[in-house]
Amino acid sequence: MTRIVFVTGTDSEIGKTWVACALSRALVRAGHKVVAIKAVETGTSAEVQPDEDGVRLAMATGQKEPRHALHRFRTAVEPAVAAELEGGRLDFDKTVSEIEKLAAGTDVTMVETAGGLLAPLAWDWTVVELAEALGASVLVAAANKLGTVNHTLLTLSALELGGILAAGVVLSATENPDPSFDSNRDAIIRLSGLDRVLDAPWTSDPEEAARALEPAIPWVLPPR
C-alpha cells in the first residue's frame, strides 16, 4: 500500500525542501521505494536549474522520473497568481492524476508543496483539497525560532478542520538559534496534543540530515 505524504511549511523559506529531501533520503537508505515530487514550483528560470527544489528532491531519491517540478512558473509568487500571469491555471483533476501515476508501486510518495497549507494552487483549491483527494497525510515543516509555536498551531488547526491527518512536525534549527529554541518543541506538544514533533539540527550535509530525520520514518510509512 502506497502512502502519500505532503510536506508543507508554516511559511516560505523555512526548510520544506531540506526536510523533504532528508526524509526521502532516509527512507531510501532504510530500503523503501520512494518518489519525491515538487508538484508546483514558482520563481524558476526558462531552463531547469540544478538548485531547483524539484531537482533536489529527485537527487535525494535517485529517481528517474520526475527529474524536476511537475509544473514550473517563472514568477516567484503564489502558484495561482504565477499561473495566471503566464496565461493559464493549474487543473485539479490533472494534478491529482499526475501524482497518483507517479505514486503507483512506491512505499512512500513525498510531495513538497509550494508555500504553506492554504497557499492557493488555483483560485478554488489549495493543498488541503489536494491532500484530501489523494488520501494523503501532511508533515509540517517549521523553523525552530520565535513565532513558530503560533504558526505551527495555526497549520495544525487548518489540517484538523480539513480532516487531514498530521503526520508530524519537524522543527528545523536555524543557523543562529534564538532563546525560544529549547522550548518550542515542548510547547507545541503541550498545546496541540501531537507528540510527533522532532527537533532537527542545522546542517548542510545531506547524510547528516538524513540521519537526523530517521526518527520520522515511522510517521510516514504505510500501515501493515
Protein backbone atom coordinates (compact mmCIF):
# COMPACT_ATOMS: atom_id res chain seq x y z
CA MET A 1 0.00 0.00 0.00
CA THR A 2 1.34 3.38 -1.00
CA ARG A 3 1.44 6.24 1.48
CA ILE A 4 1.32 9.75 0.04
CA VAL A 5 2.79 12.39 2.35
CA PHE A 6 2.71 16.10 1.71
CA VAL A 7 5.43 18.29 3.22
CA THR A 8 4.05 21.75 3.87
CA GLY A 9 5.52 24.72 5.67
CA THR A 10 4.36 27.25 8.20
CA ASP A 11 5.87 29.92 5.94
CA SER A 12 8.17 30.21 2.95
CA GLU A 13 11.92 29.67 3.27
CA ILE A 14 11.66 27.61 6.47
CA GLY A 15 13.19 24.33 5.31
CA LYS A 16 10.46 22.37 3.47
CA THR A 17 12.84 21.14 0.79
CA TRP A 18 15.52 20.31 3.36
CA VAL A 19 13.01 18.23 5.33
CA ALA A 20 11.56 16.50 2.27
CA CYS A 21 15.00 15.67 0.87
CA ALA A 22 16.38 14.46 4.20
CA LEU A 23 13.40 12.24 4.97
CA SER A 24 13.28 10.88 1.42
CA ARG A 25 16.96 10.03 1.59
CA ALA A 26 16.49 8.38 5.00
CA LEU A 27 13.62 6.26 3.66
CA VAL A 28 15.66 5.13 0.64
CA ARG A 29 18.58 4.20 2.90
CA ALA A 30 16.17 2.15 5.01
CA GLY A 31 15.21 0.13 1.93
CA HIS A 32 11.92 1.75 0.97
CA LYS A 33 10.83 2.66 -2.54
CA VAL A 34 10.32 6.41 -2.60
CA VAL A 35 9.46 9.04 -5.17
CA ALA A 36 9.77 12.71 -4.19
CA ILE A 37 7.76 15.31 -6.08
CA LYS A 38 7.53 19.07 -6.21
CA ALA A 39 4.08 19.46 -7.70
CA VAL A 40 4.38 23.19 -8.36
CA GLU A 41 7.46 25.43 -8.28
CA THR A 42 7.49 29.16 -8.86
CA GLY A 43 10.41 31.50 -9.40
CA THR A 44 12.09 29.23 -11.94
CA SER A 45 14.11 30.18 -15.00
CA ALA A 46 13.37 29.14 -18.57
CA GLU A 47 15.73 26.17 -18.32
CA VAL A 48 15.73 23.71 -15.42
CA GLN A 49 18.46 24.56 -12.91
CA PRO A 50 20.24 22.15 -10.51
CA ASP A 51 19.27 24.19 -7.44
CA GLU A 52 15.52 23.97 -8.08
CA ASP A 53 13.52 22.24 -5.35
CA GLY A 54 12.13 19.65 -7.75
CA VAL A 55 15.62 18.75 -8.94
CA ARG A 56 16.96 18.47 -5.40
CA LEU A 57 14.10 16.14 -4.45
CA ALA A 58 14.83 13.86 -7.41
CA MET A 59 18.50 13.75 -6.49
CA ALA A 60 17.64 12.80 -2.91
CA THR A 61 15.93 9.59 -4.03
CA GLY A 62 17.88 8.87 -7.21
CA GLN A 63 14.58 8.51 -9.10
CA LYS A 64 14.40 8.55 -12.88
CA GLU A 65 11.12 10.48 -13.03
CA PRO A 66 10.19 13.19 -12.36
CA ARG A 67 13.50 15.00 -12.54
CA HIS A 68 12.03 18.43 -11.78
CA ALA A 69 8.77 20.01 -10.62
CA LEU A 70 5.64 18.87 -12.43
CA HIS A 71 4.62 22.48 -13.07
CA ARG A 72 7.15 25.32 -13.27
CA PHE A 73 6.35 29.03 -13.34
CA ARG A 74 8.72 31.94 -13.75
CA THR A 75 7.37 34.48 -11.25
CA ALA A 76 8.10 33.92 -7.54
CA VAL A 77 4.55 34.41 -6.29
CA GLU A 78 1.69 32.15 -5.19
CA PRO A 79 1.01 29.40 -7.78
CA ALA A 80 -2.47 30.69 -8.65
CA VAL A 81 -1.01 34.12 -9.40
CA ALA A 82 2.01 32.76 -11.27
CA ALA A 83 -0.16 30.55 -13.48
CA GLU A 84 -2.50 33.43 -14.24
CA LEU A 85 0.40 35.70 -15.17
CA GLU A 86 1.54 33.07 -17.66
CA GLY A 87 -1.92 32.71 -19.17
CA GLY A 88 -3.13 29.52 -17.54
CA ARG A 89 -4.24 27.76 -14.38
CA LEU A 90 -3.50 24.51 -12.61
CA ASP A 91 -6.10 21.84 -13.25
CA PHE A 92 -7.12 19.98 -10.09
CA ASP A 93 -8.05 16.63 -11.65
CA LYS A 94 -4.93 16.60 -13.82
CA THR A 95 -2.68 17.29 -10.83
CA VAL A 96 -4.32 14.51 -8.80
CA SER A 97 -3.89 12.09 -11.72
CA GLU A 98 -0.23 13.05 -12.22
CA ILE A 99 0.62 12.36 -8.59
CA GLU A 100 -1.36 9.11 -8.48
CA LYS A 101 0.50 7.77 -11.53
CA LEU A 102 3.89 8.63 -10.04
CA ALA A 103 2.90 7.13 -6.69
CA ALA A 104 1.94 3.75 -8.16
CA GLY A 105 4.23 0.99 -6.88
CA THR A 106 6.00 3.11 -4.27
CA ASP A 107 6.08 2.69 -0.50
CA VAL A 108 6.07 6.42 0.13
CA THR A 109 5.44 9.33 -2.22
CA MET A 110 6.72 12.60 -0.84
CA VAL A 111 5.07 15.71 -2.24
CA GLU A 112 6.55 19.07 -1.33
CA THR A 113 4.04 21.87 -1.50
CA ALA A 114 4.54 25.36 -2.87
CA GLY A 115 4.31 27.68 0.11
CA GLY A 116 2.09 26.92 3.09
CA LEU A 117 -1.00 24.80 3.54
CA LEU A 118 -3.50 27.42 2.37
CA ALA A 119 -1.42 28.99 -0.39
CA PRO A 120 -3.69 28.94 -3.45
CA LEU A 121 -2.58 26.44 -6.08
CA ALA A 122 -5.54 27.71 -8.09
CA TRP A 123 -8.18 30.21 -7.02
CA ASP A 124 -10.56 27.42 -5.98
CA TRP A 125 -8.26 24.87 -4.34
CA THR A 126 -5.28 24.54 -2.01
CA VAL A 127 -3.09 21.78 -0.59
CA VAL A 128 -5.96 20.82 1.74
CA GLU A 129 -8.23 19.81 -1.16
CA LEU A 130 -5.36 18.09 -2.97
CA ALA A 131 -4.33 16.10 0.11
CA GLU A 132 -7.94 15.09 0.74
CA ALA A 133 -8.38 13.85 -2.84
CA LEU A 134 -5.19 11.77 -2.61
CA GLY A 135 -5.82 10.44 0.89
CA ALA A 136 -2.52 12.00 1.94
CA SER A 137 -1.20 12.85 5.37
CA VAL A 138 0.74 16.09 5.90
CA LEU A 139 4.12 16.59 7.53
CA VAL A 140 4.58 20.15 8.78
CA ALA A 141 7.99 21.78 8.39
CA ALA A 142 8.67 24.76 10.63
CA ALA A 143 11.67 26.83 11.62
CA ASN A 144 12.71 26.46 15.25
CA LYS A 145 12.55 30.13 16.14
CA LEU A 146 10.40 32.66 17.95
CA GLY A 147 6.89 32.69 16.47
CA THR A 148 6.90 29.07 15.34
CA VAL A 149 4.51 27.92 18.08
CA ASN A 150 1.75 30.17 16.76
CA HIS A 151 2.46 29.39 13.10
CA THR A 152 2.63 25.63 13.72
CA LEU A 153 -0.58 25.53 15.75
CA LEU A 154 -2.40 27.50 13.05
CA THR A 155 -1.27 24.98 10.43
CA LEU A 156 -2.24 22.01 12.60
CA SER A 157 -5.64 23.59 13.22
CA ALA A 158 -6.20 24.03 9.47
CA LEU A 159 -5.33 20.36 8.95
CA GLU A 160 -7.79 19.30 11.63
CA LEU A 161 -10.54 21.47 10.14
CA GLY A 162 -9.86 19.92 6.74
CA GLY A 163 -9.97 16.39 8.13
CA ILE A 164 -6.34 15.77 7.09
CA LEU A 165 -4.03 13.61 9.21
CA ALA A 166 -0.99 15.44 10.58
CA ALA A 167 1.92 13.02 10.15
CA GLY A 168 4.06 15.14 12.46
CA VAL A 169 6.08 18.32 12.78
CA VAL A 170 9.78 18.85 12.03
CA LEU A 171 11.37 21.89 13.61
CA SER A 172 14.47 22.83 11.64
CA ALA A 173 17.17 24.63 13.57
CA THR A 174 18.31 28.00 12.31
CA GLU A 175 21.98 28.89 11.92
CA ASN A 176 21.70 31.34 14.83
CA PRO A 177 19.20 29.98 17.40
CA ASP A 178 17.18 32.44 19.49
CA PRO A 179 16.06 31.98 23.14
CA SER A 180 12.90 30.05 22.11
CA PHE A 181 14.96 27.23 20.58
CA ASP A 182 14.86 24.91 23.60
CA SER A 183 11.18 25.39 24.44
CA ASN A 184 9.35 25.39 21.10
CA ARG A 185 9.06 21.62 20.73
CA ASP A 186 7.62 21.07 24.21
CA ALA A 187 5.23 24.00 23.80
CA ILE A 188 3.86 22.60 20.51
CA ILE A 189 3.38 19.15 22.03
CA ARG A 190 1.71 20.57 25.12
CA LEU A 191 -0.66 22.85 23.22
CA SER A 192 -1.51 20.60 20.26
CA GLY A 193 -1.54 17.18 21.89
CA LEU A 194 0.58 15.90 18.98
CA ASP A 195 3.67 14.11 20.26
CA ARG A 196 5.24 13.52 16.83
CA VAL A 197 7.40 16.65 16.92
CA LEU A 198 11.06 16.38 16.00
CA ASP A 199 13.92 18.83 16.55
CA ALA A 200 16.30 18.70 13.58
CA PRO A 201 19.80 20.21 13.61
CA TRP A 202 21.10 22.87 11.26
CA THR A 203 23.34 21.12 8.74
CA SER A 204 24.16 21.35 5.06
CA ASP A 205 25.44 17.76 4.95
CA PRO A 206 22.84 15.54 3.19
CA GLU A 207 23.85 12.37 5.04
CA GLU A 208 23.76 14.06 8.43
CA ALA A 209 20.35 15.49 7.57
CA ALA A 210 19.06 12.04 6.59
CA ARG A 211 20.24 10.57 9.90
CA ALA A 212 18.54 13.39 11.78
CA LEU A 213 15.20 12.61 10.09
CA GLU A 214 15.32 8.84 10.74
CA PRO A 215 13.02 9.14 13.80
CA ALA A 216 10.29 10.45 11.48
CA ILE A 217 10.34 7.38 9.22
CA PRO A 218 7.57 5.52 11.13
CA TRP A 219 5.33 8.59 10.85
CA VAL A 220 5.09 8.29 7.08
CA LEU A 221 5.26 4.57 6.32
CA PRO A 222 2.09 2.83 5.11
CA PRO A 223 0.27 0.72 7.69
CA ARG A 224 0.92 -3.00 7.69
